[in-house]
Amino acid sequence: TLARVHGAALGGGMGLASACDICVASTKAQFAT
C-alpha cells in the first residue's frame, strides 16, 4: 500500500499516510496530529 499525499494530511489523514506501507508526499504537503 502506498499513500500519495498532497496538501493537508491532518489527524486521520496523517493516520492514513502512516498506516500505508509507503508514503510519497508533495513538497506542499503538511501533516499534523
PDB file of all heavy atoms in Angstrom:
ATOM      1  N   THR A   1       0.838  -1.193   0.000  1.00  0.00           N
ATOM      2  CA  THR A   1       0.000   0.000   0.000  1.00  0.00           C
ATOM      3  C   THR A   1       0.875   1.246   0.000  1.00  0.00           C
ATOM      4  O   THR A   1       1.927   1.283   0.649  1.00  0.00           O
ATOM      5  CB  THR A   1      -0.931   0.023   1.217  1.00  0.00           C
ATOM      6  OG1 THR A   1      -0.147  -0.085   2.427  1.00  0.00           O
ATOM      7  CG2 THR A   1      -1.930  -1.118   1.171  1.00  0.00           C
ATOM      8  N   LEU A   2       0.419   2.264  -0.709  1.00  0.00           N
ATOM      9  CA  LEU A   2       1.206   3.490  -0.847  1.00  0.00           C
ATOM     10  C   LEU A   2       0.283   4.689  -0.747  1.00  0.00           C
ATOM     11  O   LEU A   2      -0.744   4.746  -1.434  1.00  0.00           O
ATOM     12  CB  LEU A   2       1.931   3.481  -2.195  1.00  0.00           C
ATOM     13  CG  LEU A   2       2.967   4.567  -2.474  1.00  0.00           C
ATOM     14  CD1 LEU A   2       3.995   4.090  -3.504  1.00  0.00           C
ATOM     15  CD2 LEU A   2       2.314   5.838  -2.981  1.00  0.00           C
ATOM     16  N   ALA A   3       0.625   5.650   0.104  1.00  0.00           N
ATOM     17  CA  ALA A   3      -0.134   6.890   0.232  1.00  0.00           C
ATOM     18  C   ALA A   3       0.498   7.962  -0.641  1.00  0.00           C
ATOM     19  O   ALA A   3       1.696   8.237  -0.533  1.00  0.00           O
ATOM     20  CB  ALA A   3      -0.172   7.353   1.682  1.00  0.00           C
ATOM     21  N   ARG A   4      -0.307   8.549  -1.524  1.00  0.00           N
ATOM     22  CA  ARG A   4       0.127   9.682  -2.365  1.00  0.00           C
ATOM     23  C   ARG A   4      -0.431  10.933  -1.692  1.00  0.00           C
ATOM     24  O   ARG A   4      -1.615  11.233  -1.778  1.00  0.00           O
ATOM     25  CB  ARG A   4      -0.437   9.527  -3.776  1.00  0.00           C
ATOM     26  CG  ARG A   4      -0.225  10.736  -4.685  1.00  0.00           C
ATOM     27  CD  ARG A   4      -1.267  10.721  -5.795  1.00  0.00           C
ATOM     28  NE  ARG A   4      -1.151  11.836  -6.707  1.00  0.00           N
ATOM     29  CZ  ARG A   4      -1.705  13.037  -6.528  1.00  0.00           C
ATOM     30  NH1 ARG A   4      -2.400  13.289  -5.410  1.00  0.00           N
ATOM     31  NH2 ARG A   4      -1.568  13.991  -7.436  1.00  0.00           N
ATOM     32  N   VAL A   5       0.430  11.677  -1.016  1.00  0.00           N
ATOM     33  CA  VAL A   5      -0.040  12.763  -0.155  1.00  0.00           C
ATOM     34  C   VAL A   5       0.283  14.115  -0.766  1.00  0.00           C
ATOM     35  O   VAL A   5       1.439  14.406  -1.102  1.00  0.00           O
ATOM     36  CB  VAL A   5       0.593  12.661   1.246  1.00  0.00           C
ATOM     37  CG1 VAL A   5       0.098  13.816   2.129  1.00  0.00           C
ATOM     38  CG2 VAL A   5       0.256  11.325   1.887  1.00  0.00           C
ATOM     39  N   HIS A   6      -0.755  14.932  -0.911  1.00  0.00           N
ATOM     40  CA  HIS A   6      -0.578  16.317  -1.325  1.00  0.00           C
ATOM     41  C   HIS A   6      -1.439  17.170  -0.412  1.00  0.00           C
ATOM     42  O   HIS A   6      -2.414  16.700   0.183  1.00  0.00           O
ATOM     43  CB  HIS A   6      -1.016  16.502  -2.783  1.00  0.00           C
ATOM     44  CG  HIS A   6      -2.495  16.520  -2.958  1.00  0.00           C
ATOM     45  ND1 HIS A   6      -3.279  15.406  -2.736  1.00  0.00           N
ATOM     46  CD2 HIS A   6      -3.346  17.538  -3.289  1.00  0.00           C
ATOM     47  CE1 HIS A   6      -4.545  15.723  -2.953  1.00  0.00           C
ATOM     48  NE2 HIS A   6      -4.627  17.001  -3.286  1.00  0.00           N
ATOM     49  N   GLY A   7      -1.092  18.427  -0.251  1.00  0.00           N
ATOM     50  CA  GLY A   7      -1.897  19.305   0.593  1.00  0.00           C
ATOM     51  C   GLY A   7      -1.926  18.827   2.033  1.00  0.00           C
ATOM     52  O   GLY A   7      -0.947  18.307   2.559  1.00  0.00           O
ATOM     53  N   ALA A   8      -3.090  18.983   2.665  1.00  0.00           N
ATOM     54  CA  ALA A   8      -3.214  18.680   4.085  1.00  0.00           C
ATOM     55  C   ALA A   8      -3.430  17.193   4.331  1.00  0.00           C
ATOM     56  O   ALA A   8      -4.233  16.551   3.651  1.00  0.00           O
ATOM     57  CB  ALA A   8      -4.372  19.463   4.686  1.00  0.00           C
ATOM     58  N   ALA A   9      -2.696  16.663   5.292  1.00  0.00           N
ATOM     59  CA  ALA A   9      -2.908  15.305   5.801  1.00  0.00           C
ATOM     60  C   ALA A   9      -2.932  15.430   7.321  1.00  0.00           C
ATOM     61  O   ALA A   9      -1.917  15.231   7.996  1.00  0.00           O
ATOM     62  CB  ALA A   9      -1.810  14.355   5.336  1.00  0.00           C
ATOM     63  N   LEU A  10      -4.085  15.777   7.840  1.00  0.00           N
ATOM     64  CA  LEU A  10      -4.212  16.136   9.249  1.00  0.00           C
ATOM     65  C   LEU A  10      -5.003  15.085  10.009  1.00  0.00           C
ATOM     66  O   LEU A  10      -5.923  14.483   9.464  1.00  0.00           O
ATOM     67  CB  LEU A  10      -4.925  17.488   9.379  1.00  0.00           C
ATOM     68  CG  LEU A  10      -4.380  18.629   8.507  1.00  0.00           C
ATOM     69  CD1 LEU A  10      -5.209  19.898   8.723  1.00  0.00           C
ATOM     70  CD2 LEU A  10      -2.915  18.879   8.783  1.00  0.00           C
ATOM     71  N   GLY A  11      -4.662  14.865  11.267  1.00  0.00           N
ATOM     72  CA  GLY A  11      -5.401  13.919  12.094  1.00  0.00           C
ATOM     73  C   GLY A  11      -5.486  12.565  11.421  1.00  0.00           C
ATOM     74  O   GLY A  11      -4.485  11.910  11.160  1.00  0.00           O
ATOM     75  N   GLY A  12      -6.718  12.145  11.115  1.00  0.00           N
ATOM     76  CA  GLY A  12      -6.905  10.864  10.448  1.00  0.00           C
ATOM     77  C   GLY A  12      -6.206  10.778   9.110  1.00  0.00           C
ATOM     78  O   GLY A  12      -5.824   9.693   8.665  1.00  0.00           O
ATOM     79  N   GLY A  13      -6.028  11.923   8.438  1.00  0.00           N
ATOM     80  CA  GLY A  13      -5.289  11.922   7.183  1.00  0.00           C
ATOM     81  C   GLY A  13      -3.839  11.521   7.385  1.00  0.00           C
ATOM     82  O   GLY A  13      -3.271  10.766   6.587  1.00  0.00           O
ATOM     83  N   MET A  14      -3.237  12.011   8.471  1.00  0.00           N
ATOM     84  CA  MET A  14      -1.880  11.579   8.806  1.00  0.00           C
ATOM     85  C   MET A  14      -1.889  10.110   9.196  1.00  0.00           C
ATOM     86  O   MET A  14      -0.932   9.378   8.925  1.00  0.00           O
ATOM     87  CB  MET A  14      -1.312  12.439   9.924  1.00  0.00           C
ATOM     88  CG  MET A  14       0.126  12.106  10.298  1.00  0.00           C
ATOM     89  SD  MET A  14       0.862  13.398  11.313  1.00  0.00           S
ATOM     90  CE  MET A  14       2.311  12.560  11.947  1.00  0.00           C
ATOM     91  N   GLY A  15      -2.983   9.667   9.820  1.00  0.00           N
ATOM     92  CA  GLY A  15      -3.115   8.256  10.156  1.00  0.00           C
ATOM     93  C   GLY A  15      -3.137   7.373   8.927  1.00  0.00           C
ATOM     94  O   GLY A  15      -2.515   6.312   8.892  1.00  0.00           O
ATOM     95  N   LEU A  16      -3.843   7.809   7.877  1.00  0.00           N
ATOM     96  CA  LEU A  16      -3.870   7.041   6.636  1.00  0.00           C
ATOM     97  C   LEU A  16      -2.480   6.924   6.040  1.00  0.00           C
ATOM     98  O   LEU A  16      -2.065   5.854   5.585  1.00  0.00           O
ATOM     99  CB  LEU A  16      -4.812   7.710   5.628  1.00  0.00           C
ATOM    100  CG  LEU A  16      -6.305   7.683   5.944  1.00  0.00           C
ATOM    101  CD1 LEU A  16      -7.063   8.519   4.917  1.00  0.00           C
ATOM    102  CD2 LEU A  16      -6.833   6.257   5.971  1.00  0.00           C
ATOM    103  N   ALA A  17      -1.751   8.048   6.016  1.00  0.00           N
ATOM    104  CA  ALA A  17      -0.400   8.041   5.471  1.00  0.00           C
ATOM    105  C   ALA A  17       0.506   7.106   6.264  1.00  0.00           C
ATOM    106  O   ALA A  17       1.386   6.437   5.704  1.00  0.00           O
ATOM    107  CB  ALA A  17       0.170   9.455   5.455  1.00  0.00           C
ATOM    108  N   SER A  18       0.295   7.049   7.579  1.00  0.00           N
ATOM    109  CA  SER A  18       1.122   6.201   8.446  1.00  0.00           C
ATOM    110  C   SER A  18       0.742   4.731   8.347  1.00  0.00           C
ATOM    111  O   SER A  18       1.606   3.858   8.471  1.00  0.00           O
ATOM    112  CB  SER A  18       0.981   6.659   9.901  1.00  0.00           C
ATOM    113  OG  SER A  18       1.370   8.004  10.050  1.00  0.00           O
ATOM    114  N   ALA A  19      -0.531   4.451   8.133  1.00  0.00           N
ATOM    115  CA  ALA A  19      -0.982   3.063   8.060  1.00  0.00           C
ATOM    116  C   ALA A  19      -0.535   2.384   6.778  1.00  0.00           C
ATOM    117  O   ALA A  19      -0.345   1.160   6.745  1.00  0.00           O
ATOM    118  CB  ALA A  19      -2.500   2.995   8.193  1.00  0.00           C
ATOM    119  N   CYS A  20      -0.377   3.160   5.699  1.00  0.00           N
ATOM    120  CA  CYS A  20       0.115   2.592   4.449  1.00  0.00           C
ATOM    121  C   CYS A  20       1.581   2.196   4.601  1.00  0.00           C
ATOM    122  O   CYS A  20       2.327   2.785   5.384  1.00  0.00           O
ATOM    123  CB  CYS A  20      -0.036   3.598   3.313  1.00  0.00           C
ATOM    124  SG  CYS A  20      -1.741   3.848   2.756  1.00  0.00           S
ATOM    125  N   ASP A  21       2.006   1.211   3.826  1.00  0.00           N
ATOM    126  CA  ASP A  21       3.392   0.747   3.888  1.00  0.00           C
ATOM    127  C   ASP A  21       4.380   1.836   3.490  1.00  0.00           C
ATOM    128  O   ASP A  21       5.483   1.925   4.044  1.00  0.00           O
ATOM    129  CB  ASP A  21       3.600  -0.448   2.945  1.00  0.00           C
ATOM    130  CG  ASP A  21       2.762  -1.651   3.315  1.00  0.00           C
ATOM    131  OD1 ASP A  21       2.470  -1.832   4.512  1.00  0.00           O
ATOM    132  OD2 ASP A  21       2.396  -2.422   2.403  1.00  0.00           O
ATOM    133  N   ILE A  22       4.000   2.630   2.494  1.00  0.00           N
ATOM    134  CA  ILE A  22       4.901   3.613   1.897  1.00  0.00           C
ATOM    135  C   ILE A  22       4.157   4.938   1.782  1.00  0.00           C
ATOM    136  O   ILE A  22       2.959   4.958   1.516  1.00  0.00           O
ATOM    137  CB  ILE A  22       5.369   3.147   0.501  1.00  0.00           C
ATOM    138  CG1 ILE A  22       6.078   1.793   0.591  1.00  0.00           C
ATOM    139  CG2 ILE A  22       6.284   4.179  -0.163  1.00  0.00           C
ATOM    140  CD1 ILE A  22       6.269   1.097  -0.748  1.00  0.00           C
ATOM    141  N   CYS A  23       4.876   6.034   1.974  1.00  0.00           N
ATOM    142  CA  CYS A  23       4.290   7.364   1.827  1.00  0.00           C
ATOM    143  C   CYS A  23       5.174   8.190   0.907  1.00  0.00           C
ATOM    144  O   CYS A  23       6.376   8.356   1.168  1.00  0.00           O
ATOM    145  CB  CYS A  23       4.153   8.048   3.183  1.00  0.00           C
ATOM    146  SG  CYS A  23       3.585   9.764   3.103  1.00  0.00           S
ATOM    147  N   VAL A  24       4.581   8.702  -0.174  1.00  0.00           N
ATOM    148  CA  VAL A  24       5.253   9.639  -1.077  1.00  0.00           C
ATOM    149  C   VAL A  24       4.484  10.946  -1.004  1.00  0.00           C
ATOM    150  O   VAL A  24       3.274  10.972  -1.245  1.00  0.00           O
ATOM    151  CB  VAL A  24       5.297   9.109  -2.524  1.00  0.00           C
ATOM    152  CG1 VAL A  24       5.974  10.118  -3.436  1.00  0.00           C
ATOM    153  CG2 VAL A  24       6.031   7.773  -2.585  1.00  0.00           C
ATOM    154  N   ALA A  25       5.164  12.028  -0.656  1.00  0.00           N
ATOM    155  CA  ALA A  25       4.490  13.286  -0.371  1.00  0.00           C
ATOM    156  C   ALA A  25       4.970  14.401  -1.296  1.00  0.00           C
ATOM    157  O   ALA A  25       6.141  14.449  -1.689  1.00  0.00           O
ATOM    158  CB  ALA A  25       4.717  13.703   1.078  1.00  0.00           C
ATOM    159  N   SER A  26       4.064  15.301  -1.618  1.00  0.00           N
ATOM    160  CA  SER A  26       4.413  16.529  -2.316  1.00  0.00           C
ATOM    161  C   SER A  26       5.167  17.459  -1.368  1.00  0.00           C
ATOM    162  O   SER A  26       4.952  17.437  -0.148  1.00  0.00           O
ATOM    163  CB  SER A  26       3.129  17.212  -2.800  1.00  0.00           C
ATOM    164  OG  SER A  26       3.350  18.581  -3.086  1.00  0.00           O
ATOM    165  N   THR A  27       6.016  18.291  -1.935  1.00  0.00           N
ATOM    166  CA  THR A  27       6.710  19.287  -1.116  1.00  0.00           C
ATOM    167  C   THR A  27       5.736  20.264  -0.475  1.00  0.00           C
ATOM    168  O   THR A  27       6.082  20.944   0.499  1.00  0.00           O
ATOM    169  CB  THR A  27       7.719  20.079  -1.962  1.00  0.00           C
ATOM    170  OG1 THR A  27       7.043  20.638  -3.106  1.00  0.00           O
ATOM    171  CG2 THR A  27       8.862  19.193  -2.438  1.00  0.00           C
ATOM    172  N   LYS A  28       4.522  20.336  -0.999  1.00  0.00           N
ATOM    173  CA  LYS A  28       3.498  21.232  -0.446  1.00  0.00           C
ATOM    174  C   LYS A  28       2.634  20.541   0.609  1.00  0.00           C
ATOM    175  O   LYS A  28       1.733  21.166   1.180  1.00  0.00           O
ATOM    176  CB  LYS A  28       2.596  21.749  -1.564  1.00  0.00           C
ATOM    177  CG  LYS A  28       3.332  22.485  -2.680  1.00  0.00           C
ATOM    178  CD  LYS A  28       4.044  23.718  -2.172  1.00  0.00           C
ATOM    179  CE  LYS A  28       4.687  24.488  -3.324  1.00  0.00           C
ATOM    180  NZ  LYS A  28       5.448  25.671  -2.840  1.00  0.00           N
ATOM    181  N   ALA A  29       2.885  19.274   0.876  1.00  0.00           N
ATOM    182  CA  ALA A  29       2.080  18.544   1.860  1.00  0.00           C
ATOM    183  C   ALA A  29       2.376  19.049   3.269  1.00  0.00           C
ATOM    184  O   ALA A  29       3.492  19.478   3.579  1.00  0.00           O
ATOM    185  CB  ALA A  29       2.368  17.050   1.773  1.00  0.00           C
ATOM    186  N   GLN A  30       1.370  18.973   4.114  1.00  0.00           N
ATOM    187  CA  GLN A  30       1.526  19.292   5.526  1.00  0.00           C
ATOM    188  C   GLN A  30       0.807  18.243   6.349  1.00  0.00           C
ATOM    189  O   GLN A  30      -0.312  17.848   6.020  1.00  0.00           O
ATOM    190  CB  GLN A  30       0.967  20.676   5.856  1.00  0.00           C
ATOM    191  CG  GLN A  30       1.797  21.835   5.335  1.00  0.00           C
ATOM    192  CD  GLN A  30       1.403  23.143   5.979  1.00  0.00           C
ATOM    193  OE1 GLN A  30       0.231  23.354   6.321  1.00  0.00           O
ATOM    194  NE2 GLN A  30       2.359  24.032   6.182  1.00  0.00           N
ATOM    195  N   PHE A  31       1.455  17.813   7.412  1.00  0.00           N
ATOM    196  CA  PHE A  31       0.920  16.781   8.291  1.00  0.00           C
ATOM    197  C   PHE A  31       0.721  17.363   9.685  1.00  0.00           C
ATOM    198  O   PHE A  31       1.369  18.332  10.070  1.00  0.00           O
ATOM    199  CB  PHE A  31       1.900  15.600   8.382  1.00  0.00           C
ATOM    200  CG  PHE A  31       2.243  14.954   7.071  1.00  0.00           C
ATOM    201  CD1 PHE A  31       3.245  15.479   6.268  1.00  0.00           C
ATOM    202  CD2 PHE A  31       1.581  13.809   6.655  1.00  0.00           C
ATOM    203  CE1 PHE A  31       3.579  14.875   5.059  1.00  0.00           C
ATOM    204  CE2 PHE A  31       1.908  13.196   5.455  1.00  0.00           C
ATOM    205  CZ  PHE A  31       2.908  13.731   4.655  1.00  0.00           C
ATOM    206  N   ALA A  32      -0.157  16.726  10.454  1.00  0.00           N
ATOM    207  CA  ALA A  32      -0.300  17.087  11.872  1.00  0.00           C
ATOM    208  C   ALA A  32      -1.169  16.071  12.579  1.00  0.00           C
ATOM    209  O   ALA A  32      -2.116  15.534  11.995  1.00  0.00           O
ATOM    210  CB  ALA A  32      -0.906  18.482  12.037  1.00  0.00           C
ATOM    211  N   THR A  33      -0.826  15.807  13.826  1.00  0.00           N
ATOM    212  CA  THR A  33      -1.749  15.120  14.727  1.00  0.00           C
ATOM    213  C   THR A  33      -2.401  16.243  15.538  1.00  0.00           C
ATOM    214  O   THR A  33      -1.940  16.606  16.609  1.00  0.00           O
ATOM    215  CB  THR A  33      -1.019  14.119  15.638  1.00  0.00           C
ATOM    216  OG1 THR A  33       0.124  14.760  16.224  1.00  0.00           O
ATOM    217  CG2 THR A  33      -0.554  12.914  14.856  1.00  0.00           C
TER     218      THR A  33
END
